[in-house]
N, C-alpha and C. Protein backbone atom coordinates (compact mmCIF):
# COMPACT_ATOMS: atom_id res chain seq x y z
N MET A 1 -0.49 -17.51 21.77
CA MET A 1 -0.36 -17.55 23.19
C MET A 1 1.22 -16.76 22.73
N ARG A 2 1.13 -15.92 23.74
CA ARG A 2 2.39 -14.87 23.76
C ARG A 2 3.76 -15.83 24.54
N SER A 3 4.90 -16.03 24.27
CA SER A 3 6.21 -16.80 25.11
C SER A 3 6.13 -16.24 26.47
N GLY A 4 6.54 -16.54 27.25
CA GLY A 4 6.61 -16.51 28.77
C GLY A 4 5.71 -15.91 29.24
N CYS A 5 4.50 -16.34 28.70
CA CYS A 5 2.71 -16.08 29.41
C CYS A 5 2.11 -17.32 29.29
N PRO A 6 2.28 -18.31 30.15
CA PRO A 6 1.29 -19.41 29.72
C PRO A 6 0.00 -19.78 30.44
N PHE A 7 -0.34 -20.11 29.19
CA PHE A 7 -2.16 -20.29 29.69
C PHE A 7 -2.50 -21.08 30.69
N ILE A 8 -3.24 -20.44 31.98
CA ILE A 8 -4.13 -21.28 33.16
C ILE A 8 -5.45 -22.05 32.68
N GLY A 9 -5.30 -23.05 32.58
CA GLY A 9 -6.68 -23.27 32.65
C GLY A 9 -7.41 -23.73 33.89
N PRO A 10 -8.56 -23.66 33.67
CA PRO A 10 -9.83 -24.44 34.88
C PRO A 10 -8.92 -25.13 35.41
N SER A 11 -8.38 -26.43 35.41
CA SER A 11 -8.08 -27.70 36.10
C SER A 11 -6.80 -26.76 36.73
N ASP A 12 -6.15 -25.72 36.47
CA ASP A 12 -4.77 -25.27 36.88
C ASP A 12 -5.20 -24.08 38.29
N VAL A 13 -6.23 -23.51 38.05
CA VAL A 13 -6.61 -22.54 39.19
C VAL A 13 -6.69 -22.91 40.38
N SER A 14 -7.20 -23.91 40.91
CA SER A 14 -7.18 -24.34 42.06
C SER A 14 -6.03 -24.24 42.85
N GLU A 15 -4.83 -25.24 41.88
CA GLU A 15 -3.63 -25.48 42.25
C GLU A 15 -2.58 -24.24 42.50
N VAL A 16 -3.21 -23.20 41.68
CA VAL A 16 -2.43 -21.62 41.55
C VAL A 16 -2.66 -20.91 42.60
N LEU A 17 -4.31 -20.79 42.64
CA LEU A 17 -4.49 -20.33 44.30
C LEU A 17 -4.62 -20.63 45.39
N HIS A 18 -4.14 -22.32 45.16
CA HIS A 18 -3.97 -22.94 46.28
C HIS A 18 -5.17 -23.27 47.10
N PHE A 19 -6.34 -23.34 46.92
CA PHE A 19 -7.57 -23.47 47.06
C PHE A 19 -7.67 -24.75 47.86
N ASP A 20 -6.89 -25.64 47.39
CA ASP A 20 -6.69 -26.99 48.71
C ASP A 20 -6.26 -27.28 49.76
N LYS A 21 -5.66 -25.77 50.29
CA LYS A 21 -4.74 -25.11 51.34
C LYS A 21 -5.58 -24.61 52.17
N LEU A 22 -6.59 -24.15 52.03
CA LEU A 22 -7.59 -23.19 52.55
C LEU A 22 -8.67 -24.30 53.43
N GLN A 23 -8.83 -23.65 55.00
CA GLN A 23 -9.37 -24.69 55.39
C GLN A 23 -10.66 -23.78 55.75
N SER A 24 -11.90 -23.90 55.48
CA SER A 24 -13.11 -23.02 55.70
C SER A 24 -13.23 -22.97 56.97
N SER A 25 -12.92 -23.79 57.88
CA SER A 25 -13.39 -23.72 58.92
C SER A 25 -12.66 -22.75 59.79
N SER A 26 -11.31 -22.44 59.39
CA SER A 26 -10.28 -21.75 60.10
C SER A 26 -10.63 -20.20 59.34
N THR A 27 -10.55 -19.99 58.31
CA THR A 27 -11.20 -18.82 57.53
C THR A 27 -12.53 -18.28 57.85
N THR A 28 -12.31 -16.67 58.62
CA THR A 28 -13.59 -16.36 58.67
C THR A 28 -13.72 -14.61 58.17
N LEU A 29 -14.92 -14.63 57.76
CA LEU A 29 -14.34 -13.09 56.51
C LEU A 29 -15.87 -12.66 57.88
N THR A 30 -14.97 -11.15 58.33
CA THR A 30 -15.86 -10.35 58.71
C THR A 30 -16.54 -9.39 57.70
N HIS A 31 -17.70 -8.80 58.04
CA HIS A 31 -18.01 -7.56 57.46
C HIS A 31 -17.91 -5.90 58.37
N THR A 32 -17.18 -5.14 57.62
CA THR A 32 -17.13 -4.32 58.34
C THR A 32 -17.64 -2.82 57.52
N ASN A 33 -17.91 -1.20 58.12
CA ASN A 33 -18.74 -1.00 57.26
C ASN A 33 -17.67 0.57 56.43
N THR A 34 -16.61 -0.36 56.58
CA THR A 34 -15.36 0.79 55.57
C THR A 34 -15.25 0.09 54.25
N MET A 35 -14.67 0.88 53.10
CA MET A 35 -15.04 0.27 51.97
C MET A 35 -13.34 0.33 51.71
N ALA A 36 -13.24 -0.44 50.43
CA ALA A 36 -11.91 -1.14 50.26
C ALA A 36 -11.02 0.21 49.25
N ASN A 37 -9.64 0.47 49.75
CA ASN A 37 -9.27 1.57 48.67
C ASN A 37 -8.77 0.85 47.59
N THR A 38 -8.75 1.58 46.87
CA THR A 38 -7.89 1.22 45.51
C THR A 38 -6.89 1.91 45.15
N TYR A 39 -6.09 1.00 44.88
CA TYR A 39 -4.44 1.05 44.85
C TYR A 39 -3.72 0.91 43.13
N LYS A 40 -3.49 1.71 42.94
CA LYS A 40 -2.41 1.63 41.84
C LYS A 40 -1.61 2.25 41.40
N LYS A 41 -0.59 1.79 40.63
CA LYS A 41 0.50 2.45 40.31
C LYS A 41 0.99 1.75 38.47
N ILE A 42 0.72 2.90 37.80
CA ILE A 42 0.58 3.34 36.11
C ILE A 42 1.56 3.83 35.58
N TYR A 43 2.82 3.36 35.57
CA TYR A 43 3.43 4.63 34.75
C TYR A 43 3.83 4.26 32.92
N ILE A 44 3.55 5.81 32.35
CA ILE A 44 3.06 6.20 31.25
C ILE A 44 4.12 6.78 30.48
N HIS A 45 4.64 6.45 29.18
CA HIS A 45 5.93 6.78 28.14
C HIS A 45 5.15 7.31 27.26
N LEU A 46 5.23 8.55 27.21
CA LEU A 46 4.49 9.55 25.92
C LEU A 46 5.42 9.72 25.43
N VAL A 47 5.49 10.18 23.94
CA VAL A 47 6.48 10.50 22.87
C VAL A 47 5.38 11.26 21.92
N PHE A 48 6.18 12.29 21.71
CA PHE A 48 5.11 13.00 20.34
C PHE A 48 6.55 14.35 19.89
N ALA A 49 5.82 14.56 18.68
CA ALA A 49 6.91 15.45 17.70
C ALA A 49 6.56 16.60 17.14
N VAL A 50 7.71 17.22 17.06
CA VAL A 50 7.56 18.07 16.01
C VAL A 50 6.76 18.60 15.06
N LYS A 51 6.34 19.65 14.44
CA LYS A 51 5.51 19.60 13.29
C LYS A 51 6.44 19.90 11.99
N ASN A 52 7.00 21.40 12.16
CA ASN A 52 7.41 21.51 11.13
C ASN A 52 9.54 21.50 11.15
N ARG A 53 9.83 21.67 10.34
CA ARG A 53 10.86 21.48 9.76
C ARG A 53 12.15 22.24 10.71
N ASP A 54 11.16 23.59 10.37
CA ASP A 54 11.91 24.91 10.58
C ASP A 54 12.35 25.06 12.13
N ALA A 55 10.97 24.81 12.81
CA ALA A 55 10.46 24.79 14.30
C ALA A 55 10.97 23.78 14.82
N ILE A 56 12.30 23.89 15.03
CA ILE A 56 12.81 22.57 15.89
C ILE A 56 12.81 23.02 16.91
N LEU A 57 13.10 22.14 18.01
CA LEU A 57 13.51 22.57 19.50
C LEU A 57 14.89 22.61 19.65
N ALA A 58 15.18 23.92 19.82
CA ALA A 58 16.57 24.44 20.13
C ALA A 58 17.33 24.13 21.37
N LYS A 59 18.34 23.46 21.53
CA LYS A 59 19.14 22.79 22.63
C LYS A 59 19.21 24.36 23.56
N GLU A 60 19.55 25.58 22.91
CA GLU A 60 19.45 26.40 24.11
C GLU A 60 18.15 26.75 24.99
N TRP A 61 17.45 26.11 24.29
CA TRP A 61 15.77 26.44 25.43
C TRP A 61 15.11 25.33 25.34
N ARG A 62 15.49 24.18 24.86
CA ARG A 62 14.81 22.86 25.44
C ARG A 62 14.49 22.53 26.70
N GLY A 63 15.44 22.84 27.14
CA GLY A 63 15.86 22.74 28.84
C GLY A 63 14.39 22.89 29.31
N LYS A 64 14.19 24.53 29.14
CA LYS A 64 13.12 25.02 30.00
C LYS A 64 11.67 24.55 29.23
N LEU A 65 11.84 24.27 28.18
CA LEU A 65 10.36 23.58 27.51
C LEU A 65 10.41 22.10 28.39
N PHE A 66 10.94 21.30 28.69
CA PHE A 66 11.21 20.33 29.08
C PHE A 66 10.44 20.65 30.57
N ALA A 67 11.40 21.49 31.28
CA ALA A 67 10.62 21.80 32.95
C ALA A 67 9.24 22.68 32.70
N TYR A 68 9.03 23.07 31.94
CA TYR A 68 7.18 23.36 31.79
C TYR A 68 6.52 22.50 31.26
N ILE A 69 6.97 21.57 30.31
CA ILE A 69 6.16 20.49 30.23
C ILE A 69 5.86 19.58 31.96
N ALA A 70 6.99 19.12 32.09
CA ALA A 70 6.76 18.88 33.61
C ALA A 70 5.78 19.41 34.47
N GLY A 71 5.96 21.04 34.44
CA GLY A 71 4.82 21.44 35.53
C GLY A 71 3.32 21.05 35.03
N ILE A 72 3.33 21.45 33.57
CA ILE A 72 1.63 20.79 33.11
C ILE A 72 1.47 19.41 33.35
N VAL A 73 2.37 18.21 33.64
CA VAL A 73 2.30 17.15 33.94
C VAL A 73 1.60 17.50 35.14
N LYS A 74 2.45 17.88 36.23
CA LYS A 74 2.21 18.35 37.71
C LYS A 74 1.05 18.74 37.87
N LYS A 75 0.80 19.68 37.37
CA LYS A 75 -0.60 20.58 37.24
C LYS A 75 -2.05 19.93 37.10
N ARG A 76 -1.72 18.87 36.19
CA ARG A 76 -2.74 17.68 36.43
C ARG A 76 -3.08 16.72 37.12
N GLY A 77 -2.05 16.63 37.96
CA GLY A 77 -2.69 15.95 39.24
C GLY A 77 -1.89 14.47 39.07
N HIS A 78 -0.41 14.53 37.67
CA HIS A 78 0.19 13.66 37.46
C HIS A 78 1.50 13.57 38.23
N TYR A 79 2.39 12.73 38.33
CA TYR A 79 3.63 12.96 38.77
C TYR A 79 4.84 12.47 37.82
N SER A 80 5.87 13.81 37.01
CA SER A 80 6.35 13.50 36.24
C SER A 80 8.03 12.78 37.08
N LEU A 81 8.21 11.59 35.92
CA LEU A 81 9.19 11.20 35.97
C LEU A 81 10.61 11.56 35.18
N ALA A 82 10.45 11.51 34.21
CA ALA A 82 11.10 12.37 33.26
C ALA A 82 10.46 13.06 32.09
N VAL A 83 11.45 13.96 31.82
CA VAL A 83 10.85 15.02 30.74
C VAL A 83 12.13 15.16 29.70
N ASN A 84 12.45 15.18 28.48
CA ASN A 84 13.32 15.33 27.70
C ASN A 84 13.30 14.56 26.50
N GLY A 85 14.47 14.95 25.21
CA GLY A 85 14.07 14.90 23.62
C GLY A 85 15.29 15.33 23.36
N HIS A 86 14.76 15.73 22.02
CA HIS A 86 15.94 15.84 21.09
C HIS A 86 14.91 16.89 19.98
N HIS A 87 16.06 17.38 19.29
CA HIS A 87 15.23 18.57 18.28
C HIS A 87 14.17 18.32 18.08
N ASP A 88 13.92 17.24 17.64
CA ASP A 88 12.52 17.06 16.63
C ASP A 88 11.37 16.12 17.41
N HIS A 89 11.33 15.54 18.92
CA HIS A 89 10.46 15.02 19.34
C HIS A 89 10.70 14.98 21.06
N VAL A 90 9.52 14.85 21.62
CA VAL A 90 9.65 14.92 23.18
C VAL A 90 9.33 13.53 23.80
N HIS A 91 10.28 13.04 24.94
CA HIS A 91 9.72 11.94 25.52
C HIS A 91 9.21 12.31 27.04
N ILE A 92 8.23 11.90 27.75
CA ILE A 92 7.63 11.82 29.06
C ILE A 92 7.42 10.57 29.85
N LEU A 93 7.96 10.70 30.55
CA LEU A 93 7.50 9.63 31.66
C LEU A 93 6.89 9.60 32.92
N PHE A 94 5.58 9.51 33.09
CA PHE A 94 5.15 10.05 34.29
C PHE A 94 3.80 8.93 35.02
N ASP A 95 3.73 9.24 36.23
CA ASP A 95 2.70 8.16 36.93
C ASP A 95 1.11 9.01 36.64
N TYR A 96 1.08 8.12 36.16
CA TYR A 96 -0.66 8.43 35.31
C TYR A 96 -1.64 8.42 36.76
N ASN A 97 -2.45 8.95 36.89
CA ASN A 97 -3.34 9.11 37.80
C ASN A 97 -4.95 8.66 37.69
N CYS A 98 -4.96 8.15 36.62
CA CYS A 98 -6.26 7.81 35.98
C CYS A 98 -7.65 8.53 36.06
N LYS A 99 -7.13 9.62 36.00
CA LYS A 99 -8.34 10.72 36.00
C LYS A 99 -8.87 11.25 35.07
N GLU A 100 -8.08 11.26 34.02
CA GLU A 100 -8.64 11.98 32.81
C GLU A 100 -7.61 10.43 32.06
N LEU A 101 -8.39 11.21 30.59
CA LEU A 101 -8.07 10.11 29.36
C LEU A 101 -6.41 10.30 29.10
N ILE A 102 -5.92 9.73 28.90
CA ILE A 102 -4.54 9.96 28.53
C ILE A 102 -4.60 10.85 26.67
N SER A 103 -5.52 10.82 26.05
CA SER A 103 -5.35 11.55 24.80
C SER A 103 -5.49 13.29 25.47
N ASP A 104 -6.51 13.28 26.41
CA ASP A 104 -6.78 14.81 26.84
C ASP A 104 -5.70 15.34 27.48
N LEU A 105 -4.83 14.42 28.31
CA LEU A 105 -3.45 15.01 28.96
C LEU A 105 -2.63 15.57 27.63
N VAL A 106 -2.37 14.76 26.73
CA VAL A 106 -1.64 14.66 25.62
C VAL A 106 -2.39 16.23 25.04
N ARG A 107 -3.20 15.99 24.40
CA ARG A 107 -3.87 17.59 24.15
C ARG A 107 -3.39 18.76 24.30
N GLU A 108 -3.72 18.99 26.12
CA GLU A 108 -3.32 19.69 26.70
C GLU A 108 -2.09 19.95 27.15
N ILE A 109 -1.21 18.60 27.38
CA ILE A 109 0.59 19.28 27.14
C ILE A 109 0.69 19.95 25.93
N LYS A 110 0.35 19.28 24.91
CA LYS A 110 0.52 20.26 23.35
C LYS A 110 0.19 21.31 23.20
N LYS A 111 -1.15 21.72 23.55
CA LYS A 111 -1.65 23.05 23.57
C LYS A 111 -0.76 24.16 24.31
N ALA A 112 -0.86 23.74 25.78
CA ALA A 112 -0.47 24.69 26.09
C ALA A 112 1.75 24.76 26.28
N SER A 113 2.28 24.15 25.69
CA SER A 113 3.62 24.10 25.73
C SER A 113 3.45 24.50 24.38
N ALA A 114 2.90 24.45 23.62
CA ALA A 114 2.98 25.60 22.27
C ALA A 114 3.02 27.01 22.31
N ALA A 115 1.86 27.27 22.66
CA ALA A 115 1.24 28.54 23.50
C ALA A 115 2.78 29.14 24.58
N TYR A 116 3.13 28.53 25.24
CA TYR A 116 4.77 28.66 26.20
C TYR A 116 5.57 29.15 24.79
N ILE A 117 5.68 28.19 23.80
CA ILE A 117 7.17 28.61 22.97
C ILE A 117 6.63 29.94 22.06
N LYS A 118 5.54 30.04 22.19
CA LYS A 118 5.23 31.47 21.56
C LYS A 118 4.96 32.56 21.87
N GLU A 119 4.41 32.34 23.71
CA GLU A 119 4.84 33.74 24.16
C GLU A 119 6.30 34.07 24.33
N GLU A 120 7.22 32.57 24.97
CA GLU A 120 8.28 33.24 25.02
C GLU A 120 9.04 33.75 23.64
N LYS A 121 8.36 33.50 22.68
CA LYS A 121 9.26 33.79 21.58
C LYS A 121 10.25 32.76 20.93
N LEU A 122 10.23 31.70 21.55
CA LEU A 122 11.59 30.46 21.65
C LEU A 122 11.94 30.41 20.42
N THR A 123 11.18 30.47 19.03
CA THR A 123 11.58 30.17 17.86
C THR A 123 10.85 31.14 17.00
N PRO A 124 11.39 31.76 15.83
CA PRO A 124 10.90 32.64 15.05
C PRO A 124 9.83 32.21 13.77
N PHE A 125 9.79 30.79 14.01
CA PHE A 125 9.12 30.13 13.07
C PHE A 125 7.80 29.41 13.71
N LYS A 126 7.03 29.55 13.55
CA LYS A 126 5.54 28.64 13.19
C LYS A 126 5.75 27.50 14.13
N PHE A 127 5.27 27.63 15.06
CA PHE A 127 5.53 26.17 15.89
C PHE A 127 4.40 25.42 16.27
N ASN A 128 4.29 24.03 16.21
CA ASN A 128 3.05 22.97 16.08
C ASN A 128 3.77 21.98 16.60
N TRP A 129 2.65 21.47 17.15
CA TRP A 129 2.85 19.79 17.21
C TRP A 129 2.71 18.97 16.42
N GLN A 130 3.40 17.62 15.92
CA GLN A 130 2.19 17.28 15.27
C GLN A 130 0.86 16.07 15.58
N SER A 131 -0.14 16.20 15.23
CA SER A 131 -0.90 15.45 15.60
C SER A 131 -0.20 13.99 15.86
N GLY A 132 -1.14 13.19 16.79
CA GLY A 132 -0.77 11.89 17.28
C GLY A 132 -0.24 11.86 18.52
N TYR A 133 0.56 10.78 18.89
CA TYR A 133 1.20 10.41 20.24
C TYR A 133 1.40 8.99 19.97
N GLY A 134 2.31 8.45 20.67
CA GLY A 134 2.90 7.37 21.50
C GLY A 134 2.64 6.97 22.79
N ALA A 135 1.83 5.96 23.26
CA ALA A 135 1.72 5.93 24.38
C ALA A 135 2.03 4.80 25.17
N PHE A 136 3.03 4.35 25.92
CA PHE A 136 3.56 3.16 26.39
C PHE A 136 3.81 2.90 27.73
N SER A 137 3.01 1.52 27.90
CA SER A 137 2.84 1.45 29.45
C SER A 137 4.34 0.83 30.04
N VAL A 138 4.55 1.39 31.02
CA VAL A 138 6.14 0.97 31.54
C VAL A 138 6.14 -0.04 32.95
N GLY A 139 6.61 -0.65 33.23
CA GLY A 139 6.43 -1.75 34.46
C GLY A 139 7.45 -0.80 35.38
N TRP A 140 6.70 -0.91 36.45
CA TRP A 140 7.90 -0.80 37.81
C TRP A 140 9.18 -1.09 37.78
N ARG A 141 9.39 -2.30 37.54
CA ARG A 141 10.50 -3.24 37.20
C ARG A 141 11.61 -1.83 36.15
N ASP A 142 10.77 -1.89 35.41
CA ASP A 142 11.58 -0.66 34.03
C ASP A 142 11.52 0.75 34.52
N LYS A 143 11.09 0.97 35.15
CA LYS A 143 11.11 2.23 35.30
C LYS A 143 12.15 3.33 35.51
N SER A 144 13.42 2.64 36.26
CA SER A 144 14.64 3.19 36.09
C SER A 144 15.33 3.12 34.67
N LYS A 145 15.34 1.94 34.06
CA LYS A 145 15.94 2.49 32.53
C LYS A 145 14.96 3.34 31.72
N ILE A 146 13.82 3.03 31.72
CA ILE A 146 13.29 4.25 31.12
C ILE A 146 13.29 5.70 31.08
N ILE A 147 13.84 6.05 32.60
CA ILE A 147 14.19 7.03 32.99
C ILE A 147 15.80 7.68 32.58
N THR A 148 16.86 6.58 32.71
CA THR A 148 18.09 6.67 32.26
C THR A 148 17.48 6.84 30.59
N TYR A 149 17.09 6.22 30.02
CA TYR A 149 17.09 6.22 28.93
C TYR A 149 16.60 7.96 27.84
N ILE A 150 15.60 8.13 28.81
CA ILE A 150 14.93 9.58 28.47
C ILE A 150 15.87 10.77 29.09
N GLU A 151 16.76 10.94 30.08
CA GLU A 151 17.68 11.55 30.48
C GLU A 151 18.64 11.48 29.50
N ASN A 152 19.17 10.55 28.71
CA ASN A 152 20.29 10.45 27.75
C ASN A 152 19.67 10.75 26.59
N GLN A 153 18.93 11.43 26.20
CA GLN A 153 18.32 11.21 24.76
C GLN A 153 19.44 12.39 23.98
N GLU A 154 20.34 12.96 24.17
CA GLU A 154 21.26 13.79 23.30
C GLU A 154 22.28 12.89 22.94
N GLU A 155 22.86 11.81 24.14
CA GLU A 155 23.53 10.57 24.08
C GLU A 155 22.88 9.71 22.70
N HIS A 156 21.82 9.43 22.72
CA HIS A 156 21.03 8.38 22.15
C HIS A 156 21.16 8.83 20.76
N HIS A 157 20.34 9.67 20.68
CA HIS A 157 20.90 10.48 19.11
C HIS A 157 21.22 11.07 18.35
N LYS A 158 22.99 10.70 18.89
CA LYS A 158 23.93 10.41 18.04
C LYS A 158 24.26 9.99 17.22
N ASP A 159 23.55 8.28 17.59
CA ASP A 159 23.60 7.13 16.67
C ASP A 159 22.43 6.57 16.21
N ASN A 160 21.54 7.46 16.57
CA ASN A 160 20.48 6.84 16.16
C ASN A 160 19.02 7.82 15.60
N ALA A 161 18.15 7.57 14.63
CA ALA A 161 17.37 9.11 14.51
C ALA A 161 16.11 8.38 15.35
N PHE A 162 15.18 9.40 15.00
CA PHE A 162 13.77 9.44 15.97
C PHE A 162 12.99 8.74 14.99
N ARG A 163 12.98 8.46 14.09
CA ARG A 163 12.65 7.00 13.07
C ARG A 163 12.41 6.00 13.32
N GLU A 164 13.51 5.71 13.64
CA GLU A 164 14.43 4.22 14.19
C GLU A 164 13.70 3.92 15.34
N GLU A 165 14.19 5.02 16.07
CA GLU A 165 13.76 4.79 17.94
C GLU A 165 12.22 4.90 17.72
N TYR A 166 11.44 5.31 17.22
CA TYR A 166 9.86 5.44 17.28
C TYR A 166 9.43 4.14 17.10
N PHE A 167 10.12 3.58 15.89
CA PHE A 167 9.61 2.15 15.12
C PHE A 167 9.86 0.69 16.13
N LYS A 168 10.93 1.07 16.18
CA LYS A 168 11.26 0.28 17.39
C LYS A 168 10.57 -0.08 18.65
N MET A 169 9.84 1.26 19.47
CA MET A 169 9.38 1.32 20.39
C MET A 169 7.47 0.72 20.00
N LEU A 170 7.44 0.93 19.05
CA LEU A 170 6.21 0.45 18.48
C LEU A 170 6.36 -1.09 18.36
N ALA A 171 7.36 -1.25 17.87
CA ALA A 171 7.75 -3.19 17.70
C ALA A 171 7.93 -3.85 19.19
N LEU A 172 8.57 -3.02 19.97
CA LEU A 172 8.71 -3.72 21.49
C LEU A 172 7.29 -3.63 22.02
N HIS A 173 6.65 -2.83 22.21
CA HIS A 173 5.25 -2.76 22.43
C HIS A 173 4.60 -3.58 21.71
N GLU A 174 4.37 -4.27 20.61
CA GLU A 174 3.31 -4.92 19.98
C GLU A 174 2.39 -4.32 19.47
N ILE A 175 2.57 -2.91 19.00
CA ILE A 175 1.86 -2.48 18.51
C ILE A 175 1.90 -2.10 16.89
N GLU A 176 0.85 -2.67 16.31
CA GLU A 176 0.47 -2.65 14.85
C GLU A 176 0.51 -1.70 14.22
N PHE A 177 1.17 -0.86 13.23
CA PHE A 177 1.06 -0.08 12.75
C PHE A 177 1.19 0.15 10.88
N LYS A 178 1.13 1.28 10.23
CA LYS A 178 1.29 1.58 9.21
C LYS A 178 1.85 2.77 8.53
N GLU A 179 2.80 2.51 8.15
CA GLU A 179 4.06 3.57 8.18
C GLU A 179 3.22 4.94 7.41
N GLU A 180 2.29 4.89 6.59
CA GLU A 180 2.17 6.43 6.33
C GLU A 180 1.12 6.79 7.22
N TYR A 181 0.82 6.37 8.51
CA TYR A 181 0.12 6.50 9.51
C TYR A 181 0.88 7.20 10.86
N VAL A 182 2.12 7.33 10.89
CA VAL A 182 3.07 7.12 11.66
C VAL A 182 3.73 8.82 11.80
N PHE A 183 4.28 9.96 11.87
CA PHE A 183 4.80 11.18 12.29
C PHE A 183 5.35 11.41 11.04
N GLU A 184 5.21 12.22 10.65
CA GLU A 184 6.07 12.99 9.48
C GLU A 184 7.59 13.23 9.95
N PHE A 185 8.82 12.30 9.69
CA PHE A 185 9.60 12.44 10.62
C PHE A 185 10.50 13.46 9.43
N LEU A 186 11.59 14.66 10.50
CA LEU A 186 12.13 15.69 9.87
C LEU A 186 13.44 15.42 9.41
């Protein structure tokens, strides 16, 4: 059992749902020909890393890259809330539309952004993203905090290496991992 999340047993259900306060004689259900809508709000924080030590995201052009990535996210029907990073990795917070697999979205972001870097000749070195990524759910109450965190990556990484940052994120989200299967940190 996780702390802060008490187990609700069968005997607690009627109290929690207040069944005892419902009066069946005053509650009327009517059938209509309309269908119920689906409502959702799912925020995803993505993190992925540069593959080659030489092909880092240079400060001079990474802003253009982040804007391009935000455009990819938008073109695929999601809403980008923040895109930023540092020389060796990228953070993206977006409102997920649930119409495609996250793995497909990440693949397309990586493919299109790597092609953009090559076409624009932003680096003289061979550029690739590492395989793998981190995808973390973000509650609506934490959205502003995560946006600020992503926007302040430059300041954050004056004192914190990407490796430590990523391991903390994995631990915070209770994701079990083996170090040998995580990014190759530059």
